[in-house]
Amino acid sequence: MENTSVKTMWGDFLEAHLEHAFESAPKTTYFGDNEKDANELAILVKNGVKKATSHSLLGLQQQNEPLPKIGELTVVTNWEGEAQCIIRTTKVTLKPYFLINASYAEKEGEGDKSLTYWKKVHWDYYTRELAKFNRAPTDSMIVVCEEFDKVF
């Protein structure tokens, strides 16, 4: 928790939710891989429009990141690391990219919320992400579908 706004938000959350008083401070994250996307996605989460995010399993493995866990709290920030809201993971599903459906794409809340839009922007994102590891996305790659609720 390096940013003062994150510490403040976590403190405000704990004041309102004493049942979490003995939990470790949550991780912080922004969505996307650039300033424009991170800031737009943070607003969508804060406004309750974006209720899911999709990680490539290979990307998580290459970065030594753990799988998201149901019940896990996360402080969502903008690109600058300023706290926007707190979310709780409610569902984690692993599925091949080709099995992502329109219902899930709508939960992501991005663009026009269509499956076509989801596939385009996520393919582009996974291409950039995996290129760092000399890998490329495939239709059969595993996507970690994380659903969440905004709790604060």
Protein backbone atom coordinates (compact mmCIF):
# COMPACT_ATOMS: atom_id res chain seq x y z
CA MET A 1 0.00 0.00 0.00
CA GLU A 2 2.30 2.65 -1.25
CA ASN A 3 -0.19 5.37 -2.17
CA THR A 4 -1.76 7.47 0.60
CA SER A 5 -5.16 7.27 -1.10
CA VAL A 6 -4.99 3.46 -0.94
CA LYS A 7 -4.16 3.53 2.78
CA THR A 8 -6.97 6.01 3.39
CA MET A 9 -9.51 3.98 1.43
CA TRP A 10 -8.51 0.77 3.23
CA GLY A 11 -8.81 2.56 6.59
CA ASP A 12 -12.24 3.92 5.68
CA PHE A 13 -13.31 0.45 4.57
CA LEU A 14 -12.13 -1.10 7.85
CA GLU A 15 -13.95 1.56 9.85
CA ALA A 16 -17.18 0.61 8.07
CA HIS A 17 -16.45 -3.16 8.07
CA LEU A 18 -14.91 -4.12 11.40
CA GLU A 19 -15.23 -7.81 10.50
CA HIS A 20 -12.16 -7.32 8.29
CA ALA A 21 -10.06 -5.62 11.00
CA PHE A 22 -7.63 -8.55 11.33
CA GLU A 23 -7.13 -9.14 7.62
CA SER A 24 -3.94 -8.22 5.87
CA ALA A 25 -4.06 -5.19 3.64
CA PRO A 26 -5.36 -6.16 0.19
CA LYS A 27 -3.39 -6.07 -3.02
CA THR A 28 -3.79 -3.07 -5.29
CA THR A 29 -4.17 -3.21 -9.04
CA TYR A 30 -5.23 -1.33 -12.10
CA PHE A 31 -6.78 -2.97 -15.14
CA GLY A 32 -5.20 -2.72 -18.58
CA ASP A 33 -1.63 -2.10 -19.63
CA ASN A 34 -1.66 1.61 -20.42
CA GLU A 35 -2.79 4.85 -18.81
CA LYS A 36 -5.84 5.46 -21.01
CA ASP A 37 -7.28 1.97 -20.50
CA ALA A 38 -6.40 1.81 -16.80
CA ASN A 39 -8.18 5.08 -16.07
CA GLU A 40 -11.24 4.21 -18.17
CA LEU A 41 -11.52 0.72 -16.67
CA ALA A 42 -11.18 2.08 -13.13
CA ILE A 43 -14.15 4.38 -13.79
CA LEU A 44 -16.20 1.46 -15.14
CA VAL A 45 -15.45 -0.57 -12.00
CA LYS A 46 -16.15 2.38 -9.70
CA ASN A 47 -19.48 2.98 -11.46
CA GLY A 48 -20.48 -0.69 -11.17
CA VAL A 49 -20.42 -1.29 -14.94
CA LYS A 50 -17.35 -3.54 -15.07
CA LYS A 51 -17.92 -6.66 -12.94
CA ALA A 52 -15.32 -9.02 -14.38
CA THR A 53 -11.78 -9.15 -15.68
CA SER A 54 -9.86 -11.73 -17.69
CA HIS A 55 -6.29 -12.80 -17.13
CA SER A 56 -4.35 -15.12 -19.40
CA LEU A 57 -3.24 -18.11 -17.35
CA LEU A 58 0.08 -18.10 -19.18
CA GLY A 59 0.60 -14.42 -18.36
CA LEU A 60 -0.07 -15.04 -14.66
CA GLN A 61 2.32 -17.99 -14.67
CA GLN A 62 5.07 -16.06 -16.48
CA GLN A 63 4.77 -13.21 -13.97
CA ASN A 64 4.61 -15.57 -10.95
CA GLU A 65 1.19 -14.16 -10.04
CA PRO A 66 -1.25 -16.34 -8.09
CA LEU A 67 -4.73 -17.13 -9.35
CA PRO A 68 -7.41 -14.84 -7.94
CA LYS A 69 -9.26 -16.32 -4.96
CA ILE A 70 -12.96 -16.13 -4.15
CA GLY A 71 -13.49 -13.68 -1.30
CA GLU A 72 -10.24 -11.83 -1.98
CA LEU A 73 -10.40 -8.05 -1.62
CA THR A 74 -8.54 -5.76 -4.02
CA VAL A 75 -8.14 -2.00 -4.12
CA VAL A 76 -8.64 -0.86 -7.71
CA THR A 77 -6.54 2.14 -8.67
CA ASN A 78 -6.10 4.33 -11.69
CA TRP A 79 -2.81 4.38 -13.63
CA GLU A 80 -1.26 6.76 -11.08
CA GLY A 81 -2.02 4.37 -8.21
CA GLU A 82 -4.83 6.46 -6.73
CA ALA A 83 -7.51 4.34 -5.06
CA GLN A 84 -10.87 4.26 -6.83
CA CYS A 85 -12.79 1.49 -5.07
CA ILE A 86 -12.52 -1.90 -3.39
CA ILE A 87 -13.77 -5.10 -5.01
CA ARG A 88 -14.32 -8.65 -3.75
CA THR A 89 -13.76 -11.62 -6.06
CA THR A 90 -16.97 -13.69 -6.28
CA LYS A 91 -16.17 -16.27 -8.96
CA VAL A 92 -13.10 -17.62 -10.75
CA THR A 93 -13.44 -19.82 -13.82
CA LEU A 94 -10.75 -21.16 -16.14
CA LYS A 95 -11.81 -21.69 -19.74
CA PRO A 96 -10.32 -21.66 -23.22
CA TYR A 97 -10.45 -18.34 -25.04
CA PHE A 98 -12.77 -19.79 -27.70
CA LEU A 99 -15.39 -20.61 -25.02
CA ILE A 100 -15.79 -17.04 -23.75
CA ASN A 101 -19.42 -16.14 -24.39
CA ALA A 102 -21.53 -13.00 -24.82
CA SER A 103 -22.86 -13.16 -21.27
CA TYR A 104 -19.36 -13.02 -19.83
CA ALA A 105 -18.26 -10.28 -22.26
CA GLU A 106 -21.19 -8.18 -21.04
CA LYS A 107 -20.04 -8.59 -17.41
CA GLU A 108 -16.68 -7.12 -18.40
CA GLY A 109 -18.63 -3.95 -19.28
CA GLU A 110 -16.14 -2.63 -21.82
CA GLY A 111 -16.87 -0.90 -25.13
CA ASP A 112 -20.28 -1.90 -26.46
CA LYS A 113 -20.21 -4.96 -24.12
CA SER A 114 -20.38 -7.34 -27.09
CA LEU A 115 -18.46 -10.56 -27.52
CA THR A 116 -16.96 -9.18 -30.75
CA TYR A 117 -15.56 -6.17 -28.88
CA TRP A 118 -14.32 -8.36 -26.00
CA LYS A 119 -12.49 -10.73 -28.35
CA LYS A 120 -10.81 -7.88 -30.27
CA VAL A 121 -9.51 -5.89 -27.29
CA HIS A 122 -8.53 -8.94 -25.27
CA TRP A 123 -6.72 -10.59 -28.18
CA ASP A 124 -4.78 -7.35 -28.65
CA TYR A 125 -4.04 -7.18 -24.91
CA TYR A 126 -2.93 -10.83 -24.69
CA THR A 127 -0.73 -10.31 -27.76
CA ARG A 128 1.08 -7.42 -26.05
CA GLU A 129 1.25 -9.23 -22.69
CA LEU A 130 2.57 -12.53 -24.01
CA ALA A 131 5.03 -10.96 -26.48
CA LYS A 132 7.18 -10.05 -23.45
CA PHE A 133 7.66 -13.79 -22.93
CA ASN A 134 8.12 -14.65 -26.63
CA ARG A 135 4.67 -16.23 -26.68
CA ALA A 136 1.46 -15.49 -28.56
CA PRO A 137 -2.21 -15.99 -27.75
CA THR A 138 -4.12 -18.94 -29.21
CA ASP A 139 -7.82 -19.77 -29.40
CA SER A 140 -7.22 -22.65 -26.99
CA MET A 141 -5.23 -20.69 -24.39
CA ILE A 142 -6.73 -20.68 -20.91
CA VAL A 143 -8.35 -17.48 -19.72
CA VAL A 144 -8.85 -16.88 -16.00
CA CYS A 145 -12.30 -15.30 -15.78
CA GLU A 146 -12.59 -13.36 -12.52
CA GLU A 147 -15.95 -11.92 -11.50
CA PHE A 148 -16.26 -9.42 -8.67
CA ASP A 149 -18.54 -7.06 -6.79
CA LYS A 150 -17.65 -3.52 -5.84
CA VAL A 151 -17.88 -3.43 -2.04
CA PHE A 152 -16.60 0.06 -1.25
